Amino acid sequence: MLGGSEWIVILVIVIIVFGATKLPQLGDGLGKAIRNFKRAVNTGGEIDVTPKKPELKDGPQAPEPGAKSET
């Protein structure tokens, strides 16, 4: 786990990279991302992940296996 001095160094680097004016926007975006991630984890069982069959369009179709040709 990170100690107090490591967090201070990370905070200073973040302020230098992003600037003090962008820091509130960065925190807001990070908070929303974490909230959405937690919501997705909690409702993970409700998501339908079964693959859907592609819809067939009108056009030439491949012969079925085992079917005899008419020639």
PDB file of N, CA and C in Angstrom:
ATOM      1  N   MET A   1       0.836  -1.169   0.000  1.00  0.00           N
ATOM      2  CA  MET A   1       0.000   0.000   0.000  1.00  0.00           C
ATOM      3  C   MET A   1       0.884   1.236   0.000  1.00  0.00           C
ATOM      4  N   LEU A   2       0.406   2.288  -0.615  1.00  0.00           N
ATOM      5  CA  LEU A   2       1.188   3.507  -0.708  1.00  0.00           C
ATOM      6  C   LEU A   2       1.093   4.305   0.583  1.00  0.00           C
ATOM      7  N   GLY A   3       2.216   4.898   0.963  1.00  0.00           N
ATOM      8  CA  GLY A   3       2.259   5.729   2.163  1.00  0.00           C
ATOM      9  C   GLY A   3       1.900   7.172   1.836  1.00  0.00           C
ATOM     10  N   GLY A   4       1.942   8.026   2.840  1.00  0.00           N
ATOM     11  CA  GLY A   4       1.569   9.429   2.674  1.00  0.00           C
ATOM     12  C   GLY A   4       2.484  10.184   1.722  1.00  0.00           C
ATOM     13  N   SER A   5       3.786   9.951   1.830  1.00  0.00           N
ATOM     14  CA  SER A   5       4.717  10.689   0.970  1.00  0.00           C
ATOM     15  C   SER A   5       4.566  10.275  -0.497  1.00  0.00           C
ATOM     16  N   GLU A   6       4.259   9.002  -0.758  1.00  0.00           N
ATOM     17  CA  GLU A   6       4.058   8.568  -2.136  1.00  0.00           C
ATOM     18  C   GLU A   6       2.832   9.231  -2.750  1.00  0.00           C
ATOM     19  N   TRP A   7       1.749   9.355  -1.950  1.00  0.00           N
ATOM     20  CA  TRP A   7       0.537  10.014  -2.452  1.00  0.00           C
ATOM     21  C   TRP A   7       0.801  11.482  -2.775  1.00  0.00           C
ATOM     22  N   ILE A   8       1.611  12.146  -1.959  1.00  0.00           N
ATOM     23  CA  ILE A   8       1.932  13.553  -2.204  1.00  0.00           C
ATOM     24  C   ILE A   8       2.716  13.694  -3.504  1.00  0.00           C
ATOM     25  N   VAL A   9       3.677  12.817  -3.731  1.00  0.00           N
ATOM     26  CA  VAL A   9       4.457  12.861  -4.980  1.00  0.00           C
ATOM     27  C   VAL A   9       3.544  12.616  -6.175  1.00  0.00           C
ATOM     28  N   ILE A  10       2.644  11.642  -6.085  1.00  0.00           N
ATOM     29  CA  ILE A  10       1.712  11.356  -7.182  1.00  0.00           C
ATOM     30  C   ILE A  10       0.800  12.549  -7.432  1.00  0.00           C
ATOM     31  N   LEU A  11       0.309  13.185  -6.373  1.00  0.00           N
ATOM     32  CA  LEU A  11      -0.558  14.359  -6.515  1.00  0.00           C
ATOM     33  C   LEU A  11       0.176  15.509  -7.192  1.00  0.00           C
ATOM     34  N   VAL A  12       1.432  15.752  -6.819  1.00  0.00           N
ATOM     35  CA  VAL A  12       2.226  16.820  -7.447  1.00  0.00           C
ATOM     36  C   VAL A  12       2.430  16.525  -8.927  1.00  0.00           C
ATOM     37  N   ILE A  13       2.715  15.286  -9.273  1.00  0.00           N
ATOM     38  CA  ILE A  13       2.910  14.918 -10.680  1.00  0.00           C
ATOM     39  C   ILE A  13       1.618  15.114 -11.464  1.00  0.00           C
ATOM     40  N   VAL A  14       0.481  14.731 -10.886  1.00  0.00           N
ATOM     41  CA  VAL A  14      -0.808  14.903 -11.555  1.00  0.00           C
ATOM     42  C   VAL A  14      -1.098  16.379 -11.773  1.00  0.00           C
ATOM     43  N   ILE A  15      -0.808  17.214 -10.785  1.00  0.00           N
ATOM     44  CA  ILE A  15      -1.038  18.655 -10.930  1.00  0.00           C
ATOM     45  C   ILE A  15      -0.138  19.235 -12.010  1.00  0.00           C
ATOM     46  N   ILE A  16       1.087  18.781 -12.076  1.00  0.00           N
ATOM     47  CA  ILE A  16       2.007  19.282 -13.114  1.00  0.00           C
ATOM     48  C   ILE A  16       1.542  18.842 -14.497  1.00  0.00           C
ATOM     49  N   VAL A  17       1.127  17.596 -14.637  1.00  0.00           N
ATOM     50  CA  VAL A  17       0.734  17.074 -15.951  1.00  0.00           C
ATOM     51  C   VAL A  17      -0.587  17.678 -16.424  1.00  0.00           C
ATOM     52  N   PHE A  18      -1.592  17.698 -15.576  1.00  0.00           N
ATOM     53  CA  PHE A  18      -2.921  18.138 -15.991  1.00  0.00           C
ATOM     54  C   PHE A  18      -3.207  19.603 -15.694  1.00  0.00           C
ATOM     55  N   GLY A  19      -2.513  20.198 -14.773  1.00  0.00           N
ATOM     56  CA  GLY A  19      -2.766  21.579 -14.394  1.00  0.00           C
ATOM     57  C   GLY A  19      -3.856  21.659 -13.343  1.00  0.00           C
ATOM     58  N   ALA A  20      -3.792  22.718 -12.548  1.00  0.00           N
ATOM     59  CA  ALA A  20      -4.733  22.858 -11.441  1.00  0.00           C
ATOM     60  C   ALA A  20      -6.152  23.131 -11.931  1.00  0.00           C
ATOM     61  N   THR A  21      -6.305  23.743 -13.112  1.00  0.00           N
ATOM     62  CA  THR A  21      -7.653  24.064 -13.596  1.00  0.00           C
ATOM     63  C   THR A  21      -8.376  22.825 -14.117  1.00  0.00           C
ATOM     64  N   LYS A  22      -7.649  21.841 -14.603  1.00  0.00           N
ATOM     65  CA  LYS A  22      -8.273  20.623 -15.132  1.00  0.00           C
ATOM     66  C   LYS A  22      -8.510  19.571 -14.060  1.00  0.00           C
ATOM     67  N   LEU A  23      -7.947  19.760 -12.890  1.00  0.00           N
ATOM     68  CA  LEU A  23      -8.047  18.754 -11.829  1.00  0.00           C
ATOM     69  C   LEU A  23      -9.484  18.474 -11.392  1.00  0.00           C
ATOM     70  N   PRO A  24     -10.356  19.480 -11.213  1.00  0.00           N
ATOM     71  CA  PRO A  24     -11.747  19.168 -10.848  1.00  0.00           C
ATOM     72  C   PRO A  24     -12.479  18.381 -11.939  1.00  0.00           C
ATOM     73  N   GLN A  25     -12.222  18.700 -13.191  1.00  0.00           N
ATOM     74  CA  GLN A  25     -12.852  17.963 -14.291  1.00  0.00           C
ATOM     75  C   GLN A  25     -12.362  16.531 -14.323  1.00  0.00           C
ATOM     76  N   LEU A  26     -11.076  16.344 -14.053  1.00  0.00           N
ATOM     77  CA  LEU A  26     -10.508  15.003 -14.024  1.00  0.00           C
ATOM     78  C   LEU A  26     -11.114  14.177 -12.895  1.00  0.00           C
ATOM     79  N   GLY A  27     -11.272  14.776 -11.724  1.00  0.00           N
ATOM     80  CA  GLY A  27     -11.878  14.082 -10.590  1.00  0.00           C
ATOM     81  C   GLY A  27     -13.336  13.734 -10.846  1.00  0.00           C
ATOM     82  N   ASP A  28     -14.058  14.664 -11.481  1.00  0.00           N
ATOM     83  CA  ASP A  28     -15.463  14.416 -11.804  1.00  0.00           C
ATOM     84  C   ASP A  28     -15.597  13.250 -12.785  1.00  0.00           C
ATOM     85  N   GLY A  29     -14.765  13.254 -13.811  1.00  0.00           N
ATOM     86  CA  GLY A  29     -14.804  12.157 -14.794  1.00  0.00           C
ATOM     87  C   GLY A  29     -14.420  10.829 -14.176  1.00  0.00           C
ATOM     88  N   LEU A  30     -13.435  10.846 -13.293  1.00  0.00           N
ATOM     89  CA  LEU A  30     -13.016   9.611 -12.626  1.00  0.00           C
ATOM     90  C   LEU A  30     -14.114   9.084 -11.709  1.00  0.00           C
ATOM     91  N   GLY A  31     -14.787   9.993 -11.006  1.00  0.00           N
ATOM     92  CA  GLY A  31     -15.887   9.581 -10.129  1.00  0.00           C
ATOM     93  C   GLY A  31     -17.032   8.963 -10.908  1.00  0.00           C
ATOM     94  N   LYS A  32     -17.383   9.565 -12.046  1.00  0.00           N
ATOM     95  CA  LYS A  32     -18.451   9.010 -12.883  1.00  0.00           C
ATOM     96  C   LYS A  32     -18.065   7.641 -13.433  1.00  0.00           C
ATOM     97  N   ALA A  33     -16.797   7.496 -13.829  1.00  0.00           N
ATOM     98  CA  ALA A  33     -16.340   6.211 -14.362  1.00  0.00           C
ATOM     99  C   ALA A  33     -16.416   5.120 -13.305  1.00  0.00           C
ATOM    100  N   ILE A  34     -15.997   5.437 -12.086  1.00  0.00           N
ATOM    101  CA  ILE A  34     -16.051   4.449 -11.005  1.00  0.00           C
ATOM    102  C   ILE A  34     -17.491   4.089 -10.681  1.00  0.00           C
ATOM    103  N   ARG A  35     -18.369   5.090 -10.658  1.00  0.00           N
ATOM    104  CA  ARG A  35     -19.794   4.853 -10.380  1.00  0.00           C
ATOM    105  C   ARG A  35     -20.406   3.936 -11.436  1.00  0.00           C
ATOM    106  N   ASN A  36     -20.116   4.216 -12.711  1.00  0.00           N
ATOM    107  CA  ASN A  36     -20.652   3.380 -13.788  1.00  0.00           C
ATOM    108  C   ASN A  36     -20.087   1.969 -13.734  1.00  0.00           C
ATOM    109  N   PHE A  37     -18.810   1.845 -13.383  1.00  0.00           N
ATOM    110  CA  PHE A  37     -18.202   0.525 -13.272  1.00  0.00           C
ATOM    111  C   PHE A  37     -18.862  -0.284 -12.162  1.00  0.00           C
ATOM    112  N   LYS A  38     -19.085   0.339 -11.002  1.00  0.00           N
ATOM    113  CA  LYS A  38     -19.740  -0.363  -9.893  1.00  0.00           C
ATOM    114  C   LYS A  38     -21.161  -0.764 -10.261  1.00  0.00           C
ATOM    115  N   ARG A  39     -21.867   0.113 -10.976  1.00  0.00           N
ATOM    116  CA  ARG A  39     -23.229  -0.208 -11.398  1.00  0.00           C
ATOM    117  C   ARG A  39     -23.213  -1.400 -12.356  1.00  0.00           C
ATOM    118  N   ALA A  40     -22.250  -1.426 -13.262  1.00  0.00           N
ATOM    119  CA  ALA A  40     -22.160  -2.531 -14.215  1.00  0.00           C
ATOM    120  C   ALA A  40     -21.811  -3.837 -13.514  1.00  0.00           C
ATOM    121  N   VAL A  41     -20.959  -3.775 -12.507  1.00  0.00           N
ATOM    122  CA  VAL A  41     -20.587  -4.985 -11.771  1.00  0.00           C
ATOM    123  C   VAL A  41     -21.788  -5.516 -10.986  1.00  0.00           C
ATOM    124  N   ASN A  42     -22.554  -4.620 -10.384  1.00  0.00           N
ATOM    125  CA  ASN A  42     -23.699  -5.052  -9.581  1.00  0.00           C
ATOM    126  C   ASN A  42     -24.834  -5.593 -10.436  1.00  0.00           C
ATOM    127  N   THR A  43     -24.994  -5.113 -11.662  1.00  0.00           N
ATOM    128  CA  THR A  43     -26.069  -5.576 -12.534  1.00  0.00           C
ATOM    129  C   THR A  43     -25.526  -6.498 -13.614  1.00  0.00           C
ATOM    130  N   GLY A  44     -24.367  -7.079 -13.403  1.00  0.00           N
ATOM    131  CA  GLY A  44     -23.729  -7.921 -14.408  1.00  0.00           C
ATOM    132  C   GLY A  44     -24.545  -9.137 -14.784  1.00  0.00           C
ATOM    133  N   GLY A  45     -25.317  -9.686 -13.863  1.00  0.00           N
ATOM    134  CA  GLY A  45     -26.112 -10.867 -14.151  1.00  0.00           C
ATOM    135  C   GLY A  45     -27.300 -10.575 -15.042  1.00  0.00           C
ATOM    136  N   GLU A  46     -27.673  -9.319 -15.176  1.00  0.00           N
ATOM    137  CA  GLU A  46     -28.850  -8.971 -15.954  1.00  0.00           C
ATOM    138  C   GLU A  46     -28.529  -8.689 -17.425  1.00  0.00           C
ATOM    139  N   ILE A  47     -27.250  -8.643 -17.772  1.00  0.00           N
ATOM    140  CA  ILE A  47     -26.862  -8.335 -19.143  1.00  0.00           C
ATOM    141  C   ILE A  47     -26.959  -9.598 -19.986  1.00  0.00           C
ATOM    142  N   ASP A  48     -27.624  -9.497 -21.129  1.00  0.00           N
ATOM    143  CA  ASP A  48     -27.781 -10.624 -22.034  1.00  0.00           C
ATOM    144  C   ASP A  48     -26.562 -10.703 -22.938  1.00  0.00           C
ATOM    145  N   VAL A  49     -25.779 -11.768 -22.799  1.00  0.00           N
ATOM    146  CA  VAL A  49     -24.564 -11.914 -23.583  1.00  0.00           C
ATOM    147  C   VAL A  49     -24.661 -13.052 -24.591  1.00  0.00           C
ATOM    148  N   THR A  50     -25.868 -13.577 -24.824  1.00  0.00           N
ATOM    149  CA  THR A  50     -26.013 -14.657 -25.787  1.00  0.00           C
ATOM    150  C   THR A  50     -25.839 -14.103 -27.197  1.00  0.00           C
ATOM    151  N   PRO A  51     -25.087 -14.812 -28.025  1.00  0.00           N
ATOM    152  CA  PRO A  51     -24.891 -14.317 -29.388  1.00  0.00           C
ATOM    153  C   PRO A  51     -26.187 -14.411 -30.185  1.00  0.00           C
ATOM    154  N   LYS A  52     -26.408 -13.436 -31.008  1.00  0.00           N
ATOM    155  CA  LYS A  52     -27.615 -13.416 -31.826  1.00  0.00           C
ATOM    156  C   LYS A  52     -27.285 -13.993 -33.194  1.00  0.00           C
ATOM    157  N   LYS A  53     -28.258 -14.700 -33.779  1.00  0.00           N
ATOM    158  CA  LYS A  53     -28.066 -15.260 -35.103  1.00  0.00           C
ATOM    159  C   LYS A  53     -28.179 -14.133 -36.124  1.00  0.00           C
ATOM    160  N   PRO A  54     -27.269 -14.104 -37.084  1.00  0.00           N
ATOM    161  CA  PRO A  54     -27.364 -13.053 -38.100  1.00  0.00           C
ATOM    162  C   PRO A  54     -28.585 -13.271 -38.981  1.00  0.00           C
ATOM    163  N   GLU A  55     -29.206 -12.174 -39.368  1.00  0.00           N
ATOM    164  CA  GLU A  55     -30.376 -12.272 -40.231  1.00  0.00           C
ATOM    165  C   GLU A  55     -29.923 -12.602 -41.650  1.00  0.00           C
ATOM    166  N   LEU A  56     -30.628 -13.531 -42.269  1.00  0.00           N
ATOM    167  CA  LEU A  56     -30.290 -13.912 -43.633  1.00  0.00           C
ATOM    168  C   LEU A  56     -30.988 -12.981 -44.605  1.00  0.00           C
ATOM    169  N   LYS A  57     -30.240 -12.543 -45.601  1.00  0.00           N
ATOM    170  CA  LYS A  57     -30.811 -11.685 -46.631  1.00  0.00           C
ATOM    171  C   LYS A  57     -31.180 -12.545 -47.829  1.00  0.00           C
ATOM    172  N   ASP A  58     -32.063 -12.026 -48.653  1.00  0.00           N
ATOM    173  CA  ASP A  58     -32.433 -12.746 -49.861  1.00  0.00           C
ATOM    174  C   ASP A  58     -31.219 -12.798 -50.779  1.00  0.00           C
ATOM    175  N   GLY A  59     -30.981 -13.938 -51.328  1.00  0.00           N
ATOM    176  CA  GLY A  59     -29.840 -14.106 -52.215  1.00  0.00           C
ATOM    177  C   GLY A  59     -29.532 -15.579 -52.353  1.00  0.00           C
ATOM    178  N   PRO A  60     -28.475 -15.882 -53.072  1.00  0.00           N
ATOM    179  CA  PRO A  60     -28.127 -17.303 -53.238  1.00  0.00           C
ATOM    180  C   PRO A  60     -27.767 -17.922 -51.898  1.00  0.00           C
ATOM    181  N   GLN A  61     -28.322 -19.103 -51.693  1.00  0.00           N
ATOM    182  CA  GLN A  61     -28.059 -19.791 -50.444  1.00  0.00           C
ATOM    183  C   GLN A  61     -27.200 -21.005 -50.723  1.00  0.00           C
ATOM    184  N   ALA A  62     -26.369 -21.340 -49.784  1.00  0.00           N
ATOM    185  CA  ALA A  62     -25.525 -22.515 -49.911  1.00  0.00           C
ATOM    186  C   ALA A  62     -26.389 -23.751 -49.728  1.00  0.00           C
ATOM    187  N   PRO A  63     -26.097 -24.824 -50.473  1.00  0.00           N
ATOM    188  CA  PRO A  63     -26.894 -26.048 -50.304  1.00  0.00           C
ATOM    189  C   PRO A  63     -26.666 -26.641 -48.927  1.00  0.00           C
ATOM    190  N   GLU A  64     -27.691 -27.267 -48.415  1.00  0.00           N
ATOM    191  CA  GLU A  64     -27.587 -27.890 -47.109  1.00  0.00           C
ATOM    192  C   GLU A  64     -26.731 -29.144 -47.213  1.00  0.00           C
ATOM    193  N   PRO A  65     -26.015 -29.498 -46.185  1.00  0.00           N
ATOM    194  CA  PRO A  65     -25.199 -30.708 -46.231  1.00  0.00           C
ATOM    195  C   PRO A  65     -26.089 -31.935 -46.404  1.00  0.00           C
ATOM    196  N   GLY A  66     -25.665 -32.829 -47.267  1.00  0.00           N
ATOM    197  CA  GLY A  66     -26.422 -34.054 -47.494  1.00  0.00           C
ATOM    198  C   GLY A  66     -27.497 -33.905 -48.553  1.00  0.00           C
ATOM    199  N   ALA A  67     -27.716 -32.727 -49.080  1.00  0.00           N
ATOM    200  CA  ALA A  67     -28.733 -32.521 -50.108  1.00  0.00           C
ATOM    201  C   ALA A  67     -28.149 -32.915 -51.466  1.00  0.00           C
ATOM    202  N   LYS A  68     -28.970 -33.566 -52.281  1.00  0.00           N
ATOM    203  CA  LYS A  68     -28.515 -33.990 -53.603  1.00  0.00           C
ATOM    204  C   LYS A  68     -28.816 -32.893 -54.606  1.00  0.00           C
ATOM    205  N   SER A  69     -27.931 -32.738 -55.582  1.00  0.00           N
ATOM    206  CA  SER A  69     -28.171 -31.730 -56.612  1.00  0.00           C
ATOM    207  C   SER A  69     -29.161 -32.272 -57.633  1.00  0.00           C
ATOM    208  N   GLU A  70     -29.809 -31.394 -58.356  1.00  0.00           N
ATOM    209  CA  GLU A  70     -30.837 -31.788 -59.308  1.00  0.00           C
ATOM    210  C   GLU A  70     -30.284 -32.055 -60.695  1.00  0.00           C
ATOM    211  N   THR A  71     -29.004 -32.077 -60.893  1.00  0.00           N
ATOM    212  CA  THR A  71     -28.438 -32.321 -62.231  1.00  0.00           C
ATOM    213  C   THR A  71     -28.179 -33.749 -62.507  1.00  0.00           C
TER     214      THR A  71
END
